[in-house]
């Protein structure tokens, strides 16, 4: 994936050179901090890759950075809502400063994201902004659904899938579609890129849900069972709640309500109930539905065959982690 890695480095270099005001420090230091924490730079790299699929990617560089600034803005505000203390192994902005600072710094990041998106060539600017506006709204909708789900155990599979589509997958799809538009791709190709990205995003989130319970801790890079301990509404938990009956469902609900327990006991008991509900196989089946549909849409794309092959390799690598 030489090209995608090359684009990641271009984005990293451009973010370091990003023109930012210095004063007031209380507003701009947190912005500099959050953008310096790194990350995969996945969305902007995919934006440049999809632009390169059809020709020159240079017009996509600044809008791609806009996508990354927007993504980090959403993380900053999500961390406040979730009261998360750590992001990428470093203190979150609201922990390092305070909630008000994090809210205001996030606001200015959103404005900066729009400023960078507006650097798109005039001829395609309306198309780019239409995709970006729709996506930004959908990400907010997804976050609200996610917060709503925290207050109930009555979540359907369809409701959960729609939430992760909005919260996670649409931004990946939009990054690819915007790149396709900026690179000169046809309306058809840009739409196929969107479908490919959205379905890969769905497959990735389902894989993430599965790995938290059934993956290898060493390969996954996170503590196994953390979603169980925090009662996070994942595809596995929702499927189990909807499939288990009688005493088994009561037992699962009781674990969700308990305030005191040994972590290993809760993880073992809930995993056993997941096994009873056969959620491992069902999650992997649903994940594969999205994954193979993504590859079908990629196959229909026009453009540079080598770049298409890189996108295919990227998709396979994303799914292969600790499978």
C-alpha atoms as a PDB file:
ATOM      1  CA  UNK A   1       0.000   0.000   0.000  1.00  0.00           C
ATOM      2  CA  UNK A   2       2.806   2.344  -0.921  1.00  0.00           C
ATOM      3  CA  UNK A   3       0.537   5.057  -2.281  1.00  0.00           C
ATOM      4  CA  UNK A   4      -1.780   5.166   0.733  1.00  0.00           C
ATOM      5  CA  UNK A   5       1.217   5.281   3.085  1.00  0.00           C
ATOM      6  CA  UNK A   6       2.713   8.056   0.975  1.00  0.00           C
ATOM      7  CA  UNK A   7      -0.528  10.013   1.292  1.00  0.00           C
ATOM      8  CA  UNK A   8      -0.576   9.511   5.066  1.00  0.00           C
ATOM      9  CA  UNK A   9       2.846  11.138   5.241  1.00  0.00           C
ATOM     10  CA  UNK A  10       1.754  14.032   3.011  1.00  0.00           C
ATOM     11  CA  UNK A  11      -1.194  14.667   5.333  1.00  0.00           C
ATOM     12  CA  UNK A  12       1.015  14.459   8.420  1.00  0.00           C
ATOM     13  CA  UNK A  13       3.446  16.993   6.953  1.00  0.00           C
ATOM     14  CA  UNK A  14       0.629  19.330   5.891  1.00  0.00           C
ATOM     15  CA  UNK A  15      -0.992  19.226   9.344  1.00  0.00           C
ATOM     16  CA  UNK A  16       2.322  20.234  10.941  1.00  0.00           C
ATOM     17  CA  UNK A  17       2.536  23.193   8.545  1.00  0.00           C
ATOM     18  CA  UNK A  18      -1.112  24.178   9.001  1.00  0.00           C
ATOM     19  CA  UNK A  19      -1.483  27.924   9.466  1.00  0.00           C
ATOM     20  CA  UNK A  20      -2.933  28.487  12.947  1.00  0.00           C
ATOM     21  CA  UNK A  21      -3.304  31.678  14.953  1.00  0.00           C
ATOM     22  CA  UNK A  22      -1.311  31.711  18.188  1.00  0.00           C
ATOM     23  CA  UNK A  23      -3.452  33.947  20.389  1.00  0.00           C
ATOM     24  CA  UNK A  24      -5.470  33.505  22.470  1.00  0.00           C
ATOM     25  CA  UNK A  25      -3.408  30.543  23.610  1.00  0.00           C
ATOM     26  CA  UNK A  26      -6.321  29.102  25.570  1.00  0.00           C
ATOM     27  CA  UNK A  27      -8.234  28.624  22.310  1.00  0.00           C
ATOM     28  CA  UNK A  28      -5.503  27.484  19.921  1.00  0.00           C
ATOM     29  CA  UNK A  29      -3.137  25.458  22.123  1.00  0.00           C
ATOM     30  CA  UNK A  30      -5.735  22.677  22.563  1.00  0.00           C
ATOM     31  CA  UNK A  31      -6.258  22.580  18.773  1.00  0.00           C
ATOM     32  CA  UNK A  32      -2.529  22.200  18.214  1.00  0.00           C
ATOM     33  CA  UNK A  33      -2.426  19.564  20.958  1.00  0.00           C
ATOM     34  CA  UNK A  34      -5.242  17.392  19.628  1.00  0.00           C
ATOM     35  CA  UNK A  35      -3.909  17.479  16.057  1.00  0.00           C
ATOM     36  CA  UNK A  36      -0.430  16.533  17.314  1.00  0.00           C
ATOM     37  CA  UNK A  37      -1.674  13.323  18.947  1.00  0.00           C
ATOM     38  CA  UNK A  38      -1.393  11.516  15.633  1.00  0.00           C
ATOM     39  CA  UNK A  39      -3.765   8.768  14.578  1.00  0.00           C
ATOM     40  CA  UNK A  40      -4.075   6.743  11.404  1.00  0.00           C
ATOM     41  CA  UNK A  41      -4.979   9.759   9.203  1.00  0.00           C
ATOM     42  CA  UNK A  42      -7.175   7.219   7.444  1.00  0.00           C
ATOM     43  CA  UNK A  43      -9.883   9.537   6.110  1.00  0.00           C
ATOM     44  CA  UNK A  44      -7.632  12.137   4.457  1.00  0.00           C
ATOM     45  CA  UNK A  45      -5.359   9.411   3.039  1.00  0.00           C
ATOM     46  CA  UNK A  46      -8.381   7.721   1.479  1.00  0.00           C
ATOM     47  CA  UNK A  47      -9.519  11.075   0.103  1.00  0.00           C
ATOM     48  CA  UNK A  48      -6.181  11.553  -1.686  1.00  0.00           C
ATOM     49  CA  UNK A  49      -6.165   7.939  -2.851  1.00  0.00           C
ATOM     50  CA  UNK A  50      -9.604   8.234  -4.450  1.00  0.00           C
ATOM     51  CA  UNK A  51      -8.576  11.499  -6.123  1.00  0.00           C
ATOM     52  CA  UNK A  52      -5.436   9.794  -7.490  1.00  0.00           C
ATOM     53  CA  UNK A  53      -7.667   7.033  -8.861  1.00  0.00           C
ATOM     54  CA  UNK A  54      -8.739   9.436 -11.613  1.00  0.00           C
ATOM     55  CA  UNK A  55      -5.711  11.708 -12.007  1.00  0.00           C
ATOM     56  CA  UNK A  56      -4.074  14.565 -10.116  1.00  0.00           C
ATOM     57  CA  UNK A  57      -4.711  14.522  -6.367  1.00  0.00           C
ATOM     58  CA  UNK A  58      -3.269  17.990  -5.598  1.00  0.00           C
ATOM     59  CA  UNK A  59      -6.678  19.718  -5.467  1.00  0.00           C
ATOM     60  CA  UNK A  60      -7.722  17.284  -2.745  1.00  0.00           C
ATOM     61  CA  UNK A  61      -4.902  17.998  -0.269  1.00  0.00           C
ATOM     62  CA  UNK A  62      -6.462  20.897   1.665  1.00  0.00           C
ATOM     63  CA  UNK A  63     -10.010  19.458   1.694  1.00  0.00           C
ATOM     64  CA  UNK A  64      -8.512  16.155   2.891  1.00  0.00           C
ATOM     65  CA  UNK A  65      -6.930  17.983   5.830  1.00  0.00           C
ATOM     66  CA  UNK A  66     -10.340  19.553   6.428  1.00  0.00           C
ATOM     67  CA  UNK A  67     -11.786  16.050   6.795  1.00  0.00           C
ATOM     68  CA  UNK A  68      -9.121  15.183   9.362  1.00  0.00           C
ATOM     69  CA  UNK A  69      -9.702  18.395  11.319  1.00  0.00           C
ATOM     70  CA  UNK A  70     -13.440  17.668  11.303  1.00  0.00           C
ATOM     71  CA  UNK A  71     -12.861  14.076  12.478  1.00  0.00           C
ATOM     72  CA  UNK A  72     -10.708  15.288  15.363  1.00  0.00           C
ATOM     73  CA  UNK A  73     -13.302  17.918  16.252  1.00  0.00           C
ATOM     74  CA  UNK A  74     -15.904  15.154  16.619  1.00  0.00           C
ATOM     75  CA  UNK A  75     -13.538  13.134  18.820  1.00  0.00           C
ATOM     76  CA  UNK A  76     -12.865  16.154  21.021  1.00  0.00           C
ATOM     77  CA  UNK A  77     -16.566  16.769  21.631  1.00  0.00           C
ATOM     78  CA  UNK A  78     -17.331  13.023  21.939  1.00  0.00           C
ATOM     79  CA  UNK A  79     -14.726  12.799  24.699  1.00  0.00           C
ATOM     80  CA  UNK A  80     -16.538  15.514  26.659  1.00  0.00           C
ATOM     81  CA  UNK A  81     -19.891  13.743  26.254  1.00  0.00           C
ATOM     82  CA  UNK A  82     -18.412  10.362  27.212  1.00  0.00           C
ATOM     83  CA  UNK A  83     -16.209  11.908  29.930  1.00  0.00           C
ATOM     84  CA  UNK A  84     -13.257   9.987  28.494  1.00  0.00           C
ATOM     85  CA  UNK A  85      -9.966  10.791  30.183  1.00  0.00           C
ATOM     86  CA  UNK A  86      -7.569   9.340  27.596  1.00  0.00           C
ATOM     87  CA  UNK A  87      -7.300   9.628  23.821  1.00  0.00           C
ATOM     88  CA  UNK A  88      -4.410   7.941  21.978  1.00  0.00           C
ATOM     89  CA  UNK A  89      -2.700   7.288  25.317  1.00  0.00           C
ATOM     90  CA  UNK A  90      -2.694  10.992  26.198  1.00  0.00           C
ATOM     91  CA  UNK A  91      -5.040  13.111  28.375  1.00  0.00           C
ATOM     92  CA  UNK A  92      -8.117  14.315  26.512  1.00  0.00           C
ATOM     93  CA  UNK A  93      -8.484  18.054  25.958  1.00  0.00           C
ATOM     94  CA  UNK A  94     -11.174  18.517  28.625  1.00  0.00           C
ATOM     95  CA  UNK A  95      -8.955  16.673  31.135  1.00  0.00           C
ATOM     96  CA  UNK A  96      -5.823  18.646  30.263  1.00  0.00           C
ATOM     97  CA  UNK A  97      -7.711  21.964  30.229  1.00  0.00           C
ATOM     98  CA  UNK A  98     -11.449  21.966  31.064  1.00  0.00           C
ATOM     99  CA  UNK A  99     -14.848  21.370  29.460  1.00  0.00           C
ATOM    100  CA  UNK A 100     -15.433  24.959  28.358  1.00  0.00           C
ATOM    101  CA  UNK A 101     -12.034  25.145  26.685  1.00  0.00           C
ATOM    102  CA  UNK A 102     -12.644  21.834  24.904  1.00  0.00           C
ATOM    103  CA  UNK A 103     -16.057  22.962  23.637  1.00  0.00           C
ATOM    104  CA  UNK A 104     -14.730  26.262  22.289  1.00  0.00           C
ATOM    105  CA  UNK A 105     -11.587  24.733  20.756  1.00  0.00           C
ATOM    106  CA  UNK A 106     -13.772  22.114  19.098  1.00  0.00           C
ATOM    107  CA  UNK A 107     -15.973  24.863  17.683  1.00  0.00           C
ATOM    108  CA  UNK A 108     -13.018  26.628  16.088  1.00  0.00           C
ATOM    109  CA  UNK A 109     -11.840  23.291  14.635  1.00  0.00           C
ATOM    110  CA  UNK A 110     -15.202  22.869  12.911  1.00  0.00           C
ATOM    111  CA  UNK A 111     -14.858  26.367  11.442  1.00  0.00           C
ATOM    112  CA  UNK A 112     -11.316  25.519  10.278  1.00  0.00           C
ATOM    113  CA  UNK A 113     -12.594  22.317   8.667  1.00  0.00           C
ATOM    114  CA  UNK A 114     -15.071  24.346   6.596  1.00  0.00           C
ATOM    115  CA  UNK A 115     -12.364  26.841   5.685  1.00  0.00           C
ATOM    116  CA  UNK A 116     -10.238  23.989   4.322  1.00  0.00           C
ATOM    117  CA  UNK A 117     -13.151  22.345   2.494  1.00  0.00           C
ATOM    118  CA  UNK A 118     -13.836  25.715   0.836  1.00  0.00           C
ATOM    119  CA  UNK A 119     -10.372  25.501  -0.788  1.00  0.00           C
ATOM    120  CA  UNK A 120     -11.873  23.032  -3.279  1.00  0.00           C
ATOM    121  CA  UNK A 121     -11.843  24.190  -6.913  1.00  0.00           C
ATOM    122  CA  UNK A 122     -14.789  26.484  -7.632  1.00  0.00           C
ATOM    123  CA  UNK A 123     -16.240  24.152 -10.262  1.00  0.00           C
ATOM    124  CA  UNK A 124     -16.828  21.305  -7.808  1.00  0.00           C
ATOM    125  CA  UNK A 125     -17.165  23.273  -4.549  1.00  0.00           C
ATOM    126  CA  UNK A 126     -20.983  22.987  -4.404  1.00  0.00           C
ATOM    127  CA  UNK A 127     -20.777  19.187  -4.799  1.00  0.00           C
ATOM    128  CA  UNK A 128     -18.061  18.879  -2.171  1.00  0.00           C
ATOM    129  CA  UNK A 129     -19.932  21.043   0.352  1.00  0.00           C
ATOM    130  CA  UNK A 130     -23.174  19.156  -0.283  1.00  0.00           C
ATOM    131  CA  UNK A 131     -21.489  15.862   0.625  1.00  0.00           C
ATOM    132  CA  UNK A 132     -19.646  17.381   3.583  1.00  0.00           C
ATOM    133  CA  UNK A 133     -22.720  19.133   5.023  1.00  0.00           C
ATOM    134  CA  UNK A 134     -24.849  15.999   4.781  1.00  0.00           C
ATOM    135  CA  UNK A 135     -22.119  13.902   6.376  1.00  0.00           C
ATOM    136  CA  UNK A 136     -21.445  16.361   9.209  1.00  0.00           C
ATOM    137  CA  UNK A 137     -25.150  16.355  10.071  1.00  0.00           C
ATOM    138  CA  UNK A 138     -25.292  12.554   9.964  1.00  0.00           C
ATOM    139  CA  UNK A 139     -22.304  12.211  12.307  1.00  0.00           C
ATOM    140  CA  UNK A 140     -24.156  14.370  14.853  1.00  0.00           C
ATOM    141  CA  UNK A 141     -27.255  12.209  14.409  1.00  0.00           C
ATOM    142  CA  UNK A 142     -25.198   9.082  15.008  1.00  0.00           C
ATOM    143  CA  UNK A 143     -23.723  10.500  18.202  1.00  0.00           C
ATOM    144  CA  UNK A 144     -27.204  11.347  19.496  1.00  0.00           C
ATOM    145  CA  UNK A 145     -28.459   7.829  18.761  1.00  0.00           C
ATOM    146  CA  UNK A 146     -25.403   6.428  20.553  1.00  0.00           C
ATOM    147  CA  UNK A 147     -26.178   8.534  23.633  1.00  0.00           C
ATOM    148  CA  UNK A 148     -29.849   7.524  23.477  1.00  0.00           C
ATOM    149  CA  UNK A 149     -28.858   3.850  23.386  1.00  0.00           C
ATOM    150  CA  UNK A 150     -26.931   4.246  26.647  1.00  0.00           C
ATOM    151  CA  UNK A 151     -30.231   4.781  28.472  1.00  0.00           C
ATOM    152  CA  UNK A 152     -32.068   1.675  27.234  1.00  0.00           C
ATOM    153  CA  UNK A 153     -31.684  -2.056  26.583  1.00  0.00           C
ATOM    154  CA  UNK A 154     -34.411  -1.916  23.939  1.00  0.00           C
ATOM    155  CA  UNK A 155     -32.214  -1.447  20.858  1.00  0.00           C
ATOM    156  CA  UNK A 156     -32.865  -3.316  17.614  1.00  0.00           C
ATOM    157  CA  UNK A 157     -30.203  -4.708  15.291  1.00  0.00           C
ATOM    158  CA  UNK A 158     -31.447  -2.329  12.607  1.00  0.00           C
ATOM    159  CA  UNK A 159     -31.214   0.619  14.996  1.00  0.00           C
ATOM    160  CA  UNK A 160     -27.666  -0.260  16.000  1.00  0.00           C
ATOM    161  CA  UNK A 161     -26.502  -0.692  12.399  1.00  0.00           C
ATOM    162  CA  UNK A 162     -28.000   2.674  11.484  1.00  0.00           C
ATOM    163  CA  UNK A 163     -26.216   4.297  14.436  1.00  0.00           C
ATOM    164  CA  UNK A 164     -22.766   3.000  13.466  1.00  0.00           C
ATOM    165  CA  UNK A 165     -23.438   3.901   9.832  1.00  0.00           C
ATOM    166  CA  UNK A 166     -24.091   7.493  10.862  1.00  0.00           C
ATOM    167  CA  UNK A 167     -21.453   7.804  13.577  1.00  0.00           C
ATOM    168  CA  UNK A 168     -18.568   6.053  11.805  1.00  0.00           C
ATOM    169  CA  UNK A 169     -19.169   4.769   8.288  1.00  0.00           C
ATOM    170  CA  UNK A 170     -20.566   7.824   6.491  1.00  0.00           C
ATOM    171  CA  UNK A 171     -17.408   9.873   7.094  1.00  0.00           C
ATOM    172  CA  UNK A 172     -15.250   7.158   5.513  1.00  0.00           C
ATOM    173  CA  UNK A 173     -17.634   7.025   2.555  1.00  0.00           C
ATOM    174  CA  UNK A 174     -17.662  10.806   2.250  1.00  0.00           C
ATOM    175  CA  UNK A 175     -13.854  11.009   2.366  1.00  0.00           C
ATOM    176  CA  UNK A 176     -13.633   8.686  -0.635  1.00  0.00           C
ATOM    177  CA  UNK A 177     -16.490  10.375  -2.504  1.00  0.00           C
ATOM    178  CA  UNK A 178     -15.069  13.874  -1.995  1.00  0.00           C
ATOM    179  CA  UNK A 179     -11.698  12.638  -3.225  1.00  0.00           C
ATOM    180  CA  UNK A 180     -13.352  11.134  -6.286  1.00  0.00           C
ATOM    181  CA  UNK A 181     -15.121  14.426  -7.061  1.00  0.00           C
ATOM    182  CA  UNK A 182     -11.914  16.440  -6.610  1.00  0.00           C
ATOM    183  CA  UNK A 183      -9.948  14.010  -8.764  1.00  0.00           C
ATOM    184  CA  UNK A 184     -12.379  14.360 -11.650  1.00  0.00           C
ATOM    185  CA  UNK A 185     -14.279  11.098 -11.260  1.00  0.00           C
ATOM    186  CA  UNK A 186     -17.742  10.667 -12.710  1.00  0.00           C
ATOM    187  CA  UNK A 187     -20.894  10.896 -10.601  1.00  0.00           C
ATOM    188  CA  UNK A 188     -21.248   7.117 -10.887  1.00  0.00           C
ATOM    189  CA  UNK A 189     -17.687   6.447  -9.747  1.00  0.00           C
ATOM    190  CA  UNK A 190     -17.960   8.919  -6.866  1.00  0.00           C
ATOM    191  CA  UNK A 191     -21.143   7.181  -5.694  1.00  0.00           C
ATOM    192  CA  UNK A 192     -19.475   3.766  -5.905  1.00  0.00           C
ATOM    193  CA  UNK A 193     -16.570   5.091  -3.840  1.00  0.00           C
ATOM    194  CA  UNK A 194     -19.038   6.273  -1.216  1.00  0.00           C
ATOM    195  CA  UNK A 195     -20.738   2.872  -1.059  1.00  0.00           C
ATOM    196  CA  UNK A 196     -17.371   1.120  -0.847  1.00  0.00           C
ATOM    197  CA  UNK A 197     -16.220   3.367   2.007  1.00  0.00           C
ATOM    198  CA  UNK A 198     -19.478   3.198   3.937  1.00  0.00           C
ATOM    199  CA  UNK A 199     -19.626  -0.608   3.782  1.00  0.00           C
ATOM    200  CA  UNK A 200     -15.968  -0.944   4.766  1.00  0.00           C
ATOM    201  CA  UNK A 201     -16.696   1.360   7.709  1.00  0.00           C
ATOM    202  CA  UNK A 202     -19.596  -0.858   8.759  1.00  0.00           C
ATOM    203  CA  UNK A 203     -17.505  -4.019   8.449  1.00  0.00           C
ATOM    204  CA  UNK A 204     -14.684  -2.404  10.431  1.00  0.00           C
ATOM    205  CA  UNK A 205     -16.967  -1.421  13.322  1.00  0.00           C
ATOM    206  CA  UNK A 206     -18.523  -4.888  13.483  1.00  0.00           C
ATOM    207  CA  UNK A 207     -15.033  -6.378  13.454  1.00  0.00           C
ATOM    208  CA  UNK A 208     -14.088  -4.037  16.294  1.00  0.00           C
ATOM    209  CA  UNK A 209     -17.132  -5.165  18.297  1.00  0.00           C
ATOM    210  CA  UNK A 210     -16.227  -8.817  17.747  1.00  0.00           C
ATOM    211  CA  UNK A 211     -12.535  -8.376  18.569  1.00  0.00           C
ATOM    212  CA  UNK A 212     -13.317  -6.800  21.940  1.00  0.00           C
ATOM    213  CA  UNK A 213     -14.789 -10.121  23.077  1.00  0.00           C
ATOM    214  CA  UNK A 214     -13.231 -12.814  20.910  1.00  0.00           C
ATOM    215  CA  UNK A 215      -9.949 -11.293  19.727  1.00  0.00           C
ATOM    216  CA  UNK A 216      -6.398 -11.703  20.966  1.00  0.00           C
ATOM    217  CA  UNK A 217      -5.463  -8.967  23.434  1.00  0.00           C
ATOM    218  CA  UNK A 218      -1.887  -8.835  22.125  1.00  0.00           C
ATOM    219  CA  UNK A 219      -2.992  -8.462  18.505  1.00  0.00           C
ATOM    220  CA  UNK A 220      -6.021  -6.237  19.227  1.00  0.00           C
ATOM    221  CA  UNK A 221      -3.933  -3.783  21.248  1.00  0.00           C
ATOM    222  CA  UNK A 222      -6.692  -3.167  23.805  1.00  0.00           C
ATOM    223  CA  UNK A 223      -7.986  -4.954  26.857  1.00  0.00           C
ATOM    224  CA  UNK A 224     -10.341  -7.756  25.833  1.00  0.00           C
ATOM    225  CA  UNK A 225     -13.816  -7.452  27.376  1.00  0.00           C
ATOM    226  CA  UNK A 226     -13.797  -3.705  27.978  1.00  0.00           C
ATOM    227  CA  UNK A 227     -17.096  -3.301  26.106  1.00  0.00           C
ATOM    228  CA  UNK A 228     -18.639  -5.920  28.392  1.00  0.00           C
ATOM    229  CA  UNK A 229     -17.400  -4.149  31.529  1.00  0.00           C
ATOM    230  CA  UNK A 230     -18.781  -0.791  30.378  1.00  0.00           C
ATOM    231  CA  UNK A 231     -22.114  -2.238  29.129  1.00  0.00           C
ATOM    232  CA  UNK A 232     -21.384  -0.735  25.723  1.00  0.00           C
ATOM    233  CA  UNK A 233     -24.182  -1.328  23.244  1.00  0.00           C
ATOM    234  CA  UNK A 234     -22.412  -3.368  20.584  1.00  0.00           C
ATOM    235  CA  UNK A 235     -23.806  -5.645  17.900  1.00  0.00           C
ATOM    236  CA  UNK A 236     -22.970  -8.608  20.147  1.00  0.00           C
ATOM    237  CA  UNK A 237     -24.828  -7.304  23.193  1.00  0.00           C
ATOM    238  CA  UNK A 238     -27.854  -6.163  21.213  1.00  0.00           C
ATOM    239  CA  UNK A 239     -28.068  -9.479  19.359  1.00  0.00           C
ATOM    240  CA  UNK A 240     -27.803 -11.403  22.626  1.00  0.00           C
ATOM    241  CA  UNK A 241     -30.526  -9.300  24.265  1.00  0.00           C
ATOM    242  CA  UNK A 242     -32.808  -9.922  21.297  1.00  0.00           C
ATOM    243  CA  UNK A 243     -32.097 -13.684  21.044  1.00  0.00           C
ATOM    244  CA  UNK A 244     -31.855 -14.886  24.643  1.00  0.00           C
ATOM    245  CA  UNK A 245     -35.007 -15.887  26.489  1.00  0.00           C
ATOM    246  CA  UNK A 246     -36.217 -16.596  30.022  1.00  0.00           C
ATOM    247  CA  UNK A 247     -33.474 -17.189  32.624  1.00  0.00           C
ATOM    248  CA  UNK A 248     -30.622 -16.489  30.206  1.00  0.00           C
ATOM    249  CA  UNK A 249     -31.981 -13.064  29.294  1.00  0.00           C
ATOM    250  CA  UNK A 250     -32.638 -12.279  32.959  1.00  0.00           C
ATOM    251  CA  UNK A 251     -29.051 -13.220  33.792  1.00  0.00           C
ATOM    252  CA  UNK A 252     -27.668 -10.963  31.077  1.00  0.00           C
ATOM    253  CA  UNK A 253     -29.843  -8.060  32.231  1.00  0.00           C
ATOM    254  CA  UNK A 254     -28.719  -8.625  35.812  1.00  0.00           C
ATOM    255  CA  UNK A 255     -25.067  -8.303  34.772  1.00  0.00           C
ATOM    256  CA  UNK A 256     -25.911  -5.011  33.038  1.00  0.00           C
ATOM    257  CA  UNK A 257     -27.458  -3.692  36.254  1.00  0.00           C
ATOM    258  CA  UNK A 258     -24.811  -4.828  38.756  1.00  0.00           C
ATOM    259  CA  UNK A 259     -22.616  -2.150  40.287  1.00  0.00           C
ATOM    260  CA  UNK A 260     -20.159  -4.427  42.081  1.00  0.00           C
ATOM    261  CA  UNK A 261     -18.454  -7.451  40.549  1.00  0.00           C
ATOM    262  CA  UNK A 262     -15.075  -8.920  39.687  1.00  0.00           C
ATOM    263  CA  UNK A 263     -14.129  -7.933  36.137  1.00  0.00           C
ATOM    264  CA  UNK A 264     -13.079 -11.453  35.138  1.00  0.00           C
ATOM    265  CA  UNK A 265     -16.370 -12.880  36.461  1.00  0.00           C
ATOM    266  CA  UNK A 266     -18.495 -10.480  34.441  1.00  0.00           C
ATOM    267  CA  UNK A 267     -16.464 -10.999  31.264  1.00  0.00           C
ATOM    268  CA  UNK A 268     -16.638 -14.801  31.598  1.00  0.00           C
ATOM    269  CA  UNK A 269     -20.373 -14.859  32.378  1.00  0.00           C
ATOM    270  CA  UNK A 270     -21.412 -12.463  29.626  1.00  0.00           C
ATOM    271  CA  UNK A 271     -19.163 -14.174  27.075  1.00  0.00           C
ATOM    272  CA  UNK A 272     -20.822 -17.486  27.979  1.00  0.00           C
ATOM    273  CA  UNK A 273     -24.243 -15.909  27.347  1.00  0.00           C
ATOM    274  CA  UNK A 274     -22.966 -14.502  24.044  1.00  0.00           C
ATOM    275  CA  UNK A 275     -21.893 -18.022  23.102  1.00  0.00           C
ATOM    276  CA  UNK A 276     -25.334 -19.339  23.999  1.00  0.00           C
ATOM    277  CA  UNK A 277     -26.913 -16.720  21.715  1.00  0.00           C
ATOM    278  CA  UNK A 278     -24.390 -17.587  18.946  1.00  0.00           C
ATOM    279  CA  UNK A 279     -23.518 -13.936  18.540  1.00  0.00           C
ATOM    280  CA  UNK A 280     -19.930 -14.583  17.417  1.00  0.00           C
ATOM    281  CA  UNK A 281     -21.011 -16.301  14.212  1.00  0.00           C
ATOM    282  CA  UNK A 282     -23.843 -13.841  13.613  1.00  0.00           C
ATOM    283  CA  UNK A 283     -21.531 -10.833  14.016  1.00  0.00           C
ATOM    284  CA  UNK A 284     -18.948 -12.261  11.634  1.00  0.00           C
ATOM    285  CA  UNK A 285     -21.661 -13.112   9.114  1.00  0.00           C
ATOM    286  CA  UNK A 286     -23.020  -9.566   9.196  1.00  0.00           C
ATOM    287  CA  UNK A 287     -19.479  -8.148   8.987  1.00  0.00           C
ATOM    288  CA  UNK A 288     -18.755 -10.250   5.899  1.00  0.00           C
ATOM    289  CA  UNK A 289     -21.978  -9.118   4.215  1.00  0.00           C
ATOM    290  CA  UNK A 290     -20.773  -5.517   4.368  1.00  0.00           C
ATOM    291  CA  UNK A 291     -17.190  -6.429   3.456  1.00  0.00           C
ATOM    292  CA  UNK A 292     -18.039  -8.394   0.310  1.00  0.00           C
ATOM    293  CA  UNK A 293     -20.576  -5.800  -0.797  1.00  0.00           C
ATOM    294  CA  UNK A 294     -17.827  -3.168  -0.457  1.00  0.00           C
ATOM    295  CA  UNK A 295     -15.532  -5.212  -2.702  1.00  0.00           C
ATOM    296  CA  UNK A 296     -18.313  -5.642  -5.280  1.00  0.00           C
ATOM    297  CA  UNK A 297     -18.712  -1.870  -5.520  1.00  0.00           C
ATOM    298  CA  UNK A 298     -14.952  -1.389  -5.755  1.00  0.00           C
ATOM    299  CA  UNK A 299     -14.847  -3.852  -8.643  1.00  0.00           C
ATOM    300  CA  UNK A 300     -17.366  -1.730 -10.586  1.00  0.00           C
ATOM    301  CA  UNK A 301     -15.161   1.371 -10.314  1.00  0.00           C
ATOM    302  CA  UNK A 302     -13.257   2.872 -13.189  1.00  0.00           C
ATOM    303  CA  UNK A 303      -9.908   4.601 -12.816  1.00  0.00           C
ATOM    304  CA  UNK A 304      -6.311   3.528 -12.285  1.00  0.00           C
ATOM    305  CA  UNK A 305      -6.093  -0.244 -11.753  1.00  0.00           C
ATOM    306  CA  UNK A 306      -3.057  -0.018  -9.471  1.00  0.00           C
ATOM    307  CA  UNK A 307      -4.856   2.411  -7.162  1.00  0.00           C
ATOM    308  CA  UNK A 308      -7.917   0.164  -7.184  1.00  0.00           C
ATOM    309  CA  UNK A 309      -5.694  -2.728  -6.153  1.00  0.00           C
ATOM    310  CA  UNK A 310      -4.319  -0.618  -3.299  1.00  0.00           C
ATOM    311  CA  UNK A 311      -7.849   0.093  -2.080  1.00  0.00           C
ATOM    312  CA  UNK A 312      -8.638  -3.602  -2.241  1.00  0.00           C
ATOM    313  CA  UNK A 313      -5.488  -4.452  -0.272  1.00  0.00           C
ATOM    314  CA  UNK A 314      -6.377  -1.752   2.246  1.00  0.00           C
ATOM    315  CA  UNK A 315      -9.827  -3.300   2.727  1.00  0.00           C
ATOM    316  CA  UNK A 316      -8.395  -6.789   3.241  1.00  0.00           C
ATOM    317  CA  UNK A 317      -5.745  -5.533   5.660  1.00  0.00           C
ATOM    318  CA  UNK A 318      -8.376  -3.689   7.679  1.00  0.00           C
ATOM    319  CA  UNK A 319     -10.388  -6.881   8.101  1.00  0.00           C
ATOM    320  CA  UNK A 320      -7.409  -9.168   8.655  1.00  0.00           C
ATOM    321  CA  UNK A 321      -6.245  -7.528  11.878  1.00  0.00           C
ATOM    322  CA  UNK A 322      -6.390 -10.115  14.645  1.00  0.00           C
ATOM    323  CA  UNK A 323      -9.192 -11.972  12.844  1.00  0.00           C
END
